[in-house]
Amino acid sequence: MDSRLRSRLLGFQRDEITSAVLYARLAKVAKEGDNARVLEDMSAAERRHYAFWKNLSGRDVAPRRAFLAFAYLCARLLGLTFTLKLLERGEAAASAGYAEVESLAPGAAELGKEEDGHEEALMAMIEEERLEYMGSIVLGLNDALVELTGTLAGLTFALRNAPLVAASGVITGIAAAFSMAASDYLASRADGDAKAGKSALYTGVAYLLTVVVLVLPYLALPREGSWIFVSLALTLFAAVAIIALFNFYISVAKGYRFRERFLEMAGISLGVAGFSFLVGFVVRSVFGIEV
């Protein structure tokens, strides 16, 4: 076996032991449903694959510790489903690599197919609360983005006073968050949902967090002159960034197409903001507002 092939096999081997250790660690902290058992099965499968490559390389290798720490943190913050499906993209590339060395390592291609099928079946069994309530999060996030970007854009031109715009945005945002949460609760109760309270909580929290991010530029930047328009630009940038990050999360966790969902959500939010900016101009002119 030449040094280049040995290096490649050791790379496959290190990837397998890294995944095995990660899944075992996550199994110890899993709290929902049968997630612990699913993760233990995934860890056991990765250790079998590690043993396959070890028989060929004749060496033990250590896991990628920096990657382990990153992936573990990602799973704790962003959830099991998102992290596992993100890792699955790397596994797909690895399976293609296994097929390339089939002639020198008989059984490698079959191992890749087995890994793909087995992990896909296991990941379908993962149960996660945050994905169960993703509809409520979407409701709160999308409504906050549309309402607040429009409100802040209109008030920016109508008032041209950063503290007033920020105060108005906060008051409007908090009132709207409670309104949205209450509406979600009543709608869920009407549908007989036993978890209506938790659904409403996810809606309200998503709305409030979005309010904080969108209003922050008006509080952080200077209040004089044209800085208020810089604040508006940063708010719109923050809105697009939130939309991009959220849709990337959803596209990975649920397998949706990123581009279409991102463009639709961003187009609606920015379109409402542009229309509201014009409304602010009209209101300022008609009412003769001078602040």
Protein backbone atom coordinates (compact mmCIF):
# COMPACT_ATOMS: atom_id res chain seq x y z
CA MET A 1 0.00 0.00 0.00
CA ASP A 2 1.52 3.33 -1.06
CA SER A 3 1.70 6.32 1.27
CA ARG A 4 -0.99 8.28 -0.59
CA LEU A 5 -3.57 5.49 -0.27
CA ARG A 6 -2.63 4.86 3.37
CA SER A 7 -3.12 8.57 4.11
CA ARG A 8 -6.53 8.47 2.49
CA LEU A 9 -7.61 5.39 4.42
CA LEU A 10 -6.46 6.97 7.67
CA GLY A 11 -8.56 10.02 6.80
CA PHE A 12 -11.65 7.83 6.33
CA GLN A 13 -10.81 6.06 9.57
CA ARG A 14 -10.45 9.32 11.50
CA ASP A 15 -13.81 10.56 10.18
CA GLU A 16 -15.53 7.38 11.36
CA ILE A 17 -14.12 7.47 14.90
CA THR A 18 -14.91 11.19 15.15
CA SER A 19 -18.55 10.54 14.26
CA ALA A 20 -18.70 7.55 16.62
CA VAL A 21 -17.47 9.60 19.57
CA LEU A 22 -19.76 12.52 18.72
CA TYR A 23 -22.89 10.36 18.51
CA ALA A 24 -21.99 8.63 21.78
CA ARG A 25 -21.60 11.99 23.54
CA LEU A 26 -24.88 13.28 22.17
CA ALA A 27 -26.65 10.07 23.24
CA LYS A 28 -25.70 10.82 26.86
CA VAL A 29 -27.45 14.20 26.82
CA ALA A 30 -30.43 13.31 24.59
CA LYS A 31 -33.71 13.95 26.39
CA GLU A 32 -36.45 13.56 23.80
CA GLY A 33 -38.15 10.31 22.80
CA ASP A 34 -35.90 7.49 21.64
CA ASN A 35 -33.14 9.85 20.51
CA ALA A 36 -30.54 8.30 22.85
CA ARG A 37 -31.11 4.82 21.40
CA VAL A 38 -30.96 6.14 17.82
CA LEU A 39 -27.69 7.96 18.51
CA GLU A 40 -26.18 4.90 20.19
CA ASP A 41 -27.06 2.84 17.09
CA MET A 42 -25.42 5.45 14.88
CA SER A 43 -22.31 5.43 17.08
CA ALA A 44 -22.10 1.63 16.94
CA ALA A 45 -22.37 1.70 13.13
CA GLU A 46 -19.56 4.25 12.88
CA ARG A 47 -17.34 2.08 15.12
CA ARG A 48 -17.92 -0.90 12.83
CA HIS A 49 -16.86 1.23 9.87
CA TYR A 50 -13.82 2.41 11.83
CA ALA A 51 -12.87 -1.24 12.41
CA PHE A 52 -13.15 -1.92 8.65
CA TRP A 53 -10.62 0.81 7.83
CA LYS A 54 -8.37 -0.14 10.76
CA ASN A 55 -8.06 -3.66 9.39
CA LEU A 56 -6.73 -2.16 6.17
CA SER A 57 -4.47 0.53 7.64
CA GLY A 58 -3.21 -1.51 10.59
CA ARG A 59 -3.23 1.59 12.83
CA ASP A 60 -5.36 3.31 15.44
CA VAL A 61 -6.15 7.00 14.95
CA ALA A 62 -7.54 9.68 17.26
CA PRO A 63 -10.75 11.60 16.51
CA ARG A 64 -10.70 15.19 15.27
CA ARG A 65 -11.04 16.88 18.66
CA ALA A 66 -11.54 20.45 17.43
CA PHE A 67 -14.30 19.29 15.08
CA LEU A 68 -15.83 17.23 17.90
CA ALA A 69 -16.05 20.30 20.14
CA PHE A 70 -17.57 22.39 17.35
CA ALA A 71 -20.14 19.76 16.34
CA TYR A 72 -21.14 19.10 19.95
CA LEU A 73 -21.65 22.83 20.59
CA CYS A 74 -23.61 23.13 17.35
CA ALA A 75 -25.90 20.26 18.38
CA ARG A 76 -26.53 21.77 21.81
CA LEU A 77 -27.30 25.22 20.42
CA LEU A 78 -28.99 24.45 17.10
CA GLY A 79 -30.40 21.00 17.70
CA LEU A 80 -29.69 17.39 16.81
CA THR A 81 -31.52 17.34 13.49
CA PHE A 82 -29.73 20.37 12.05
CA THR A 83 -26.29 19.14 13.16
CA LEU A 84 -26.77 15.55 12.01
CA LYS A 85 -28.07 16.58 8.59
CA LEU A 86 -25.21 19.06 8.21
CA LEU A 87 -22.79 16.22 8.96
CA GLU A 88 -24.69 14.00 6.53
CA ARG A 89 -23.56 16.25 3.68
CA GLY A 90 -19.98 15.41 4.56
CA GLU A 91 -20.88 11.73 4.80
CA ALA A 92 -22.22 11.83 1.24
CA ALA A 93 -18.85 13.08 0.02
CA ALA A 94 -17.10 10.39 2.06
CA SER A 95 -19.27 7.66 0.51
CA ALA A 96 -18.20 8.83 -2.94
CA GLY A 97 -14.59 8.60 -1.75
CA TYR A 98 -15.17 5.04 -0.52
CA ALA A 99 -16.34 4.01 -3.99
CA GLU A 100 -13.15 5.42 -5.52
CA VAL A 101 -10.93 3.06 -3.48
CA GLU A 102 -13.11 -0.03 -4.01
CA SER A 103 -10.53 -1.71 -6.27
CA LEU A 104 -7.85 -1.42 -3.58
CA ALA A 105 -10.15 -1.88 -0.58
CA PRO A 106 -12.85 -4.44 -1.52
CA GLY A 107 -16.07 -3.76 0.34
CA ALA A 108 -15.53 0.00 0.63
CA ALA A 109 -18.27 0.92 -1.86
CA GLU A 110 -20.78 -1.33 -0.14
CA LEU A 111 -19.80 0.17 3.19
CA GLY A 112 -20.60 3.64 1.83
CA LYS A 113 -24.03 2.53 0.61
CA GLU A 114 -24.78 0.86 3.92
CA GLU A 115 -23.74 4.00 5.82
CA ASP A 116 -25.96 6.24 3.70
CA GLY A 117 -29.03 4.04 4.01
CA HIS A 118 -28.60 3.23 7.69
CA GLU A 119 -27.97 6.78 8.83
CA GLU A 120 -30.81 8.16 6.73
CA ALA A 121 -33.22 5.67 8.33
CA LEU A 122 -31.96 6.44 11.81
CA MET A 123 -32.09 10.23 11.39
CA ALA A 124 -35.72 9.95 10.29
CA MET A 125 -36.40 8.60 13.79
CA ILE A 126 -34.95 11.65 15.59
CA GLU A 127 -37.65 13.57 17.46
CA GLU A 128 -36.99 17.19 18.35
CA GLU A 129 -39.27 19.71 19.99
CA ARG A 130 -37.89 22.78 18.25
CA LEU A 131 -38.73 21.29 14.84
CA GLU A 132 -42.19 20.27 16.05
CA TYR A 133 -42.86 23.94 16.79
CA MET A 134 -41.09 25.32 13.72
CA GLY A 135 -44.42 26.53 12.34
CA SER A 136 -44.90 28.73 15.41
CA ILE A 137 -41.35 30.07 15.11
CA VAL A 138 -41.91 30.86 11.43
CA LEU A 139 -45.14 32.66 12.32
CA GLY A 140 -43.47 34.87 14.94
CA LEU A 141 -40.31 35.51 12.94
CA ASN A 142 -42.00 36.27 9.64
CA ASP A 143 -44.64 38.52 11.17
CA ALA A 144 -42.03 40.48 13.14
CA LEU A 145 -39.84 40.95 10.08
CA VAL A 146 -42.71 42.18 7.92
CA GLU A 147 -44.34 44.41 10.54
CA LEU A 148 -41.21 45.85 12.15
CA THR A 149 -39.23 46.55 9.00
CA GLY A 150 -42.29 48.31 7.59
CA THR A 151 -42.99 50.22 10.80
CA LEU A 152 -39.39 51.31 11.32
CA ALA A 153 -38.99 52.36 7.68
CA GLY A 154 -42.16 54.44 7.79
CA LEU A 155 -41.34 56.05 11.14
CA THR A 156 -37.78 56.79 10.05
CA PHE A 157 -38.94 59.06 7.27
CA ALA A 158 -41.97 60.45 9.11
CA LEU A 159 -40.19 61.33 12.37
CA ARG A 160 -36.45 61.40 11.56
CA ASN A 161 -35.72 61.02 15.27
CA ALA A 162 -33.87 57.86 16.31
CA PRO A 163 -35.05 57.72 19.98
CA LEU A 164 -38.68 58.22 18.94
CA VAL A 165 -38.40 55.61 16.19
CA ALA A 166 -36.75 53.14 18.61
CA ALA A 167 -39.36 53.77 21.33
CA SER A 168 -42.21 53.41 18.85
CA GLY A 169 -40.67 50.23 17.45
CA VAL A 170 -40.24 48.67 20.90
CA ILE A 171 -43.79 49.53 21.99
CA THR A 172 -45.25 48.30 18.71
CA GLY A 173 -43.10 45.18 18.78
CA ILE A 174 -43.94 44.14 22.33
CA ALA A 175 -47.66 44.74 21.81
CA ALA A 176 -47.59 42.82 18.53
CA ALA A 177 -45.61 39.94 20.09
CA PHE A 178 -48.24 39.44 22.80
CA SER A 179 -50.99 39.80 20.22
CA MET A 180 -49.41 37.18 17.97
CA ALA A 181 -48.80 34.79 20.87
CA ALA A 182 -52.40 35.18 22.04
CA SER A 183 -53.74 34.61 18.52
CA ASP A 184 -51.58 31.51 18.10
CA TYR A 185 -52.77 30.19 21.47
CA LEU A 186 -56.44 30.71 20.66
CA ALA A 187 -56.08 29.19 17.19
CA SER A 188 -54.24 26.14 18.58
CA ARG A 189 -56.83 25.71 21.35
CA ALA A 190 -59.63 25.88 18.79
CA ASP A 191 -57.90 23.04 16.89
CA GLY A 192 -57.76 20.98 20.08
CA ASP A 193 -53.97 21.22 20.44
CA ALA A 194 -52.97 20.19 23.96
CA LYS A 195 -49.69 22.08 23.59
CA ALA A 196 -51.24 25.40 22.63
CA GLY A 197 -49.40 27.26 25.40
CA LYS A 198 -45.98 26.08 24.26
CA SER A 199 -46.80 26.88 20.64
CA ALA A 200 -47.77 30.43 21.66
CA LEU A 201 -44.55 30.76 23.67
CA TYR A 202 -42.39 29.89 20.66
CA THR A 203 -44.31 32.42 18.53
CA GLY A 204 -43.96 35.22 21.08
CA VAL A 205 -40.28 34.61 21.84
CA ALA A 206 -39.37 34.48 18.13
CA TYR A 207 -41.19 37.78 17.63
CA LEU A 208 -39.54 39.51 20.61
CA LEU A 209 -36.01 38.41 19.67
CA THR A 210 -36.55 39.76 16.16
CA VAL A 211 -37.77 43.08 17.60
CA VAL A 212 -34.58 43.43 19.68
CA VAL A 213 -32.32 42.85 16.67
CA LEU A 214 -34.20 45.23 14.37
CA VAL A 215 -34.47 48.11 16.85
CA LEU A 216 -30.87 47.87 18.12
CA PRO A 217 -29.25 50.04 15.37
CA TYR A 218 -31.45 53.01 16.34
CA LEU A 219 -30.18 52.75 19.93
CA ALA A 220 -26.53 52.02 19.14
CA LEU A 221 -25.72 54.70 16.54
CA PRO A 222 -25.52 58.50 16.98
CA ARG A 223 -28.87 60.30 16.97
CA GLU A 224 -27.92 63.37 14.93
CA GLY A 225 -28.40 64.13 11.25
CA SER A 226 -28.47 61.44 8.62
CA TRP A 227 -27.35 58.68 11.03
CA ILE A 228 -30.98 57.63 11.32
CA PHE A 229 -30.89 56.49 7.69
CA VAL A 230 -27.74 54.48 8.45
CA SER A 231 -29.73 52.88 11.29
CA LEU A 232 -32.50 52.00 8.85
CA ALA A 233 -29.98 50.50 6.41
CA LEU A 234 -28.48 48.36 9.20
CA THR A 235 -31.96 47.28 10.29
CA LEU A 236 -32.79 46.15 6.75
CA PHE A 237 -29.43 44.36 6.52
CA ALA A 238 -30.16 42.64 9.85
CA ALA A 239 -33.59 41.58 8.56
CA VAL A 240 -32.06 40.02 5.43
CA ALA A 241 -29.37 38.32 7.56
CA ILE A 242 -32.04 36.84 9.89
CA ILE A 243 -33.99 35.59 6.89
CA ALA A 244 -30.86 34.03 5.35
CA LEU A 245 -29.75 32.31 8.58
CA PHE A 246 -33.21 31.05 9.40
CA ASN A 247 -33.83 29.69 5.92
CA PHE A 248 -30.42 28.01 5.87
CA TYR A 249 -31.33 26.32 9.17
CA ILE A 250 -34.69 25.18 7.79
CA SER A 251 -33.22 24.05 4.47
CA VAL A 252 -30.76 21.79 6.30
CA ALA A 253 -33.04 20.54 9.11
CA LYS A 254 -36.09 19.89 6.94
CA GLY A 255 -34.60 19.51 3.49
CA TYR A 256 -36.33 22.55 1.95
CA ARG A 257 -34.93 24.52 -0.97
CA PHE A 258 -33.04 27.53 0.40
CA ARG A 259 -33.07 29.91 -2.57
CA GLU A 260 -36.83 30.04 -3.21
CA ARG A 261 -37.79 30.42 0.46
CA PHE A 262 -35.12 33.06 1.09
CA LEU A 263 -36.07 35.18 -1.93
CA GLU A 264 -39.77 35.00 -1.10
CA MET A 265 -39.32 35.99 2.55
CA ALA A 266 -36.75 38.71 1.81
CA GLY A 267 -38.85 40.10 -1.04
CA ILE A 268 -41.95 40.41 1.17
CA SER A 269 -40.08 42.06 4.06
CA LEU A 270 -38.16 44.53 1.90
CA GLY A 271 -41.21 45.25 -0.25
CA VAL A 272 -43.27 46.15 2.82
CA ALA A 273 -40.37 48.28 4.11
CA GLY A 274 -40.18 50.18 0.80
CA PHE A 275 -43.92 50.78 0.71
CA SER A 276 -43.92 51.93 4.36
CA PHE A 277 -41.06 54.32 3.62
CA LEU A 278 -43.25 55.98 1.00
CA VAL A 279 -46.16 56.06 3.46
CA GLY A 280 -43.87 57.82 5.95
CA PHE A 281 -43.00 60.43 3.31
CA VAL A 282 -46.70 61.06 2.60
CA VAL A 283 -47.61 61.24 6.31
CA ARG A 284 -44.78 63.67 7.01
CA SER A 285 -45.90 65.91 4.14
CA VAL A 286 -49.66 65.77 4.83
CA PHE A 287 -49.40 66.35 8.58
CA GLY A 288 -46.49 68.76 8.36
CA ILE A 289 -44.44 66.82 10.92
CA GLU A 290 -41.25 68.57 12.00
CA VAL A 291 -39.34 66.85 14.82
